[in-house]
Amino acid sequence: MKEKELIFKTSGMEETMRFGKKLGMLLSPGDVVALVGELGAGKTTLVKGIVQGLGVTDRRAVKSPTFSLVHTYEGRMPVYHFDAYRLEDTQEMLDIGSDEMISGDGVAIVEWADKVSGCLPKEYLQITLTAVSAHERKIELRIYGYRYDEIIKNLFRT
């Protein structure tokens, strides 16, 4: 399987959301974004930008679905926002019907994806966020498979 990695930094919440919005504008039905990072690393901030790029008009509606496990937003396509923080394993993720949403007609975004990696398809985009300081975030993009090559190329065009 093809794997590529890119690393860059953002210097504030707005810049992280702008990056997410640009990414969201490039996503298509069936795309899966797997988010990894510690508490406070900026995963939900990034999701707010991604869903805005997918046409969800109120980014304030985006909250980490820690207690409900999944939120669905309507944009130019359905957006399934999962939070696996409280899950023990892949089976718990499957028990909520994640496989149907991940392989469905929308975009799936999975926070804490490293806890449920068995639910991810062969091809997906993994984004690891690391807090460098109070405002700066290191963002590592790792693509699995060929599906995301064009997205990455377009993401970094000026």
Protein backbone atom coordinates (compact mmCIF):
# COMPACT_ATOMS: atom_id res chain seq x y z
CA MET A 1 0.00 0.00 0.00
CA LYS A 2 1.26 3.46 -0.89
CA GLU A 3 2.05 5.74 2.05
CA LYS A 4 3.27 9.36 1.99
CA GLU A 5 3.85 11.85 4.77
CA LEU A 6 3.91 15.67 4.90
CA ILE A 7 4.59 17.83 7.96
CA PHE A 8 3.88 21.53 8.52
CA LYS A 9 2.81 23.93 11.30
CA THR A 10 -0.07 26.31 11.96
CA SER A 11 0.23 29.29 14.28
CA GLY A 12 -3.27 29.63 15.71
CA MET A 13 -6.83 28.30 15.78
CA GLU A 14 -7.92 30.37 12.78
CA GLU A 15 -5.03 29.09 10.67
CA THR A 16 -5.82 25.50 11.68
CA MET A 17 -9.47 26.05 10.73
CA ARG A 18 -8.46 27.63 7.38
CA PHE A 19 -6.35 24.56 6.62
CA GLY A 20 -9.33 22.35 7.55
CA LYS A 21 -11.68 24.38 5.36
CA LYS A 22 -9.35 24.05 2.37
CA LEU A 23 -9.14 20.29 2.97
CA GLY A 24 -12.93 20.01 3.34
CA MET A 25 -13.45 21.73 -0.01
CA LEU A 26 -11.41 18.94 -1.65
CA LEU A 27 -13.11 15.95 -0.02
CA SER A 28 -15.60 13.68 -1.81
CA PRO A 29 -18.14 11.04 -0.77
CA GLY A 30 -16.37 8.02 0.67
CA ASP A 31 -13.35 9.95 1.94
CA VAL A 32 -12.15 9.14 5.44
CA VAL A 33 -10.08 11.48 7.61
CA ALA A 34 -8.51 9.82 10.65
CA LEU A 35 -7.44 12.26 13.37
CA VAL A 36 -4.82 11.44 15.97
CA GLY A 37 -3.51 13.60 18.82
CA GLU A 38 -3.59 14.17 22.54
CA LEU A 39 -6.35 16.08 24.35
CA GLY A 40 -6.13 19.74 23.39
CA ALA A 41 -4.07 19.12 20.25
CA GLY A 42 -6.68 20.80 18.02
CA LYS A 43 -8.61 17.89 16.51
CA THR A 44 -12.05 19.44 17.00
CA THR A 45 -10.76 22.82 15.81
CA LEU A 46 -9.57 21.17 12.61
CA VAL A 47 -12.95 19.42 12.23
CA LYS A 48 -14.71 22.80 12.43
CA GLY A 49 -12.73 23.93 9.41
CA ILE A 50 -13.23 20.68 7.49
CA VAL A 51 -17.01 20.75 7.88
CA GLN A 52 -17.10 24.40 6.84
CA GLY A 53 -15.25 23.40 3.66
CA LEU A 54 -17.87 20.68 3.18
CA GLY A 55 -20.64 23.27 3.21
CA VAL A 56 -21.84 23.07 6.80
CA THR A 57 -22.82 26.68 7.45
CA ASP A 58 -22.63 26.86 11.27
CA ARG A 59 -19.23 25.68 12.47
CA ARG A 60 -20.36 26.48 16.05
CA ALA A 61 -22.61 23.42 15.77
CA VAL A 62 -19.48 21.27 15.61
CA LYS A 63 -18.63 19.83 18.99
CA SER A 64 -16.63 16.78 19.88
CA PRO A 65 -19.15 13.91 19.99
CA THR A 66 -17.46 12.35 23.02
CA PHE A 67 -20.68 11.32 24.73
CA SER A 68 -22.82 10.56 21.67
CA LEU A 69 -19.91 8.96 19.72
CA VAL A 70 -21.07 10.33 16.35
CA HIS A 71 -22.60 13.55 15.05
CA THR A 72 -23.98 13.96 11.54
CA TYR A 73 -23.82 17.32 9.78
CA GLU A 74 -25.49 18.20 6.51
CA GLY A 75 -23.41 20.08 3.98
CA ARG A 76 -22.92 19.40 0.28
CA MET A 77 -22.86 15.76 1.44
CA PRO A 78 -23.35 14.10 4.83
CA VAL A 79 -20.47 14.45 7.28
CA TYR A 80 -20.07 11.76 9.94
CA HIS A 81 -17.96 13.00 12.86
CA PHE A 82 -16.90 10.20 15.21
CA ASP A 83 -15.12 10.44 18.54
CA ALA A 84 -13.56 7.16 19.66
CA TYR A 85 -12.04 8.55 22.88
CA ARG A 86 -14.33 6.57 25.19
CA LEU A 87 -14.30 3.39 23.13
CA GLU A 88 -12.29 0.38 24.21
CA ASP A 89 -11.73 -1.19 20.83
CA THR A 90 -12.72 -1.53 17.17
CA GLN A 91 -15.71 -3.76 17.97
CA GLU A 92 -17.38 -1.00 19.98
CA MET A 93 -16.99 1.31 16.98
CA LEU A 94 -18.52 -1.30 14.70
CA ASP A 95 -21.39 -1.81 17.14
CA ILE A 96 -22.60 1.76 16.52
CA GLY A 97 -22.83 1.12 12.77
CA SER A 98 -19.67 3.00 11.87
CA ASP A 99 -18.85 0.71 8.95
CA GLU A 100 -22.01 1.81 7.09
CA MET A 101 -21.20 5.50 7.61
CA ILE A 102 -17.48 5.15 6.85
CA SER A 103 -18.15 3.38 3.56
CA GLY A 104 -21.28 5.41 2.83
CA ASP A 105 -22.34 8.44 0.85
CA GLY A 106 -20.54 11.09 2.88
CA VAL A 107 -17.25 12.00 4.47
CA ALA A 108 -16.21 10.30 7.71
CA ILE A 109 -13.99 12.10 10.21
CA VAL A 110 -12.76 9.96 13.10
CA GLU A 111 -11.18 11.59 16.16
CA TRP A 112 -8.94 9.27 18.19
CA ALA A 113 -8.72 7.03 15.13
CA ASP A 114 -5.67 5.23 16.51
CA LYS A 115 -7.98 3.57 19.07
CA VAL A 116 -10.19 2.05 16.34
CA SER A 117 -7.83 1.61 13.40
CA GLY A 118 -9.48 -1.70 12.51
CA CYS A 119 -12.55 0.26 11.34
CA LEU A 120 -10.62 2.29 8.80
CA PRO A 121 -10.64 1.35 5.11
CA LYS A 122 -7.43 0.48 3.24
CA GLU A 123 -7.21 4.03 1.89
CA TYR A 124 -7.59 7.01 4.21
CA LEU A 125 -5.97 10.28 5.20
CA GLN A 126 -4.45 10.34 8.68
CA ILE A 127 -3.78 13.69 10.32
CA THR A 128 -1.77 13.79 13.52
CA LEU A 129 -1.91 17.03 15.47
CA THR A 130 0.65 17.94 18.13
CA ALA A 131 0.58 21.03 20.34
CA VAL A 132 3.97 22.73 20.00
CA SER A 133 2.95 25.74 22.13
CA ALA A 134 -0.27 27.38 23.30
CA HIS A 135 -1.08 28.43 19.72
CA GLU A 136 1.23 26.51 17.38
CA ARG A 137 0.31 23.06 16.08
CA LYS A 138 2.39 20.57 14.15
CA ILE A 139 0.23 18.81 11.57
CA GLU A 140 1.42 15.56 10.03
CA LEU A 141 -0.46 14.25 7.02
CA ARG A 142 -0.05 10.60 6.13
CA ILE A 143 -1.90 9.18 3.16
CA TYR A 144 -2.63 5.51 2.82
CA GLY A 145 -3.32 4.43 -0.74
CA TYR A 146 -3.62 6.45 -3.94
CA ARG A 147 -7.04 8.01 -3.36
CA TYR A 148 -5.66 11.06 -1.56
CA ASP A 149 -2.74 11.97 -3.87
CA GLU A 150 -4.74 14.55 -5.81
CA ILE A 151 -6.22 16.02 -2.64
CA ILE A 152 -2.75 16.54 -1.17
CA LYS A 153 -1.44 18.08 -4.40
CA ASN A 154 -4.35 20.54 -4.50
CA LEU A 155 -4.14 21.26 -0.78
CA PHE A 156 -0.68 22.73 -1.06
CA ARG A 157 -1.18 24.70 -4.27
CA THR A 158 -1.18 28.42 -3.62
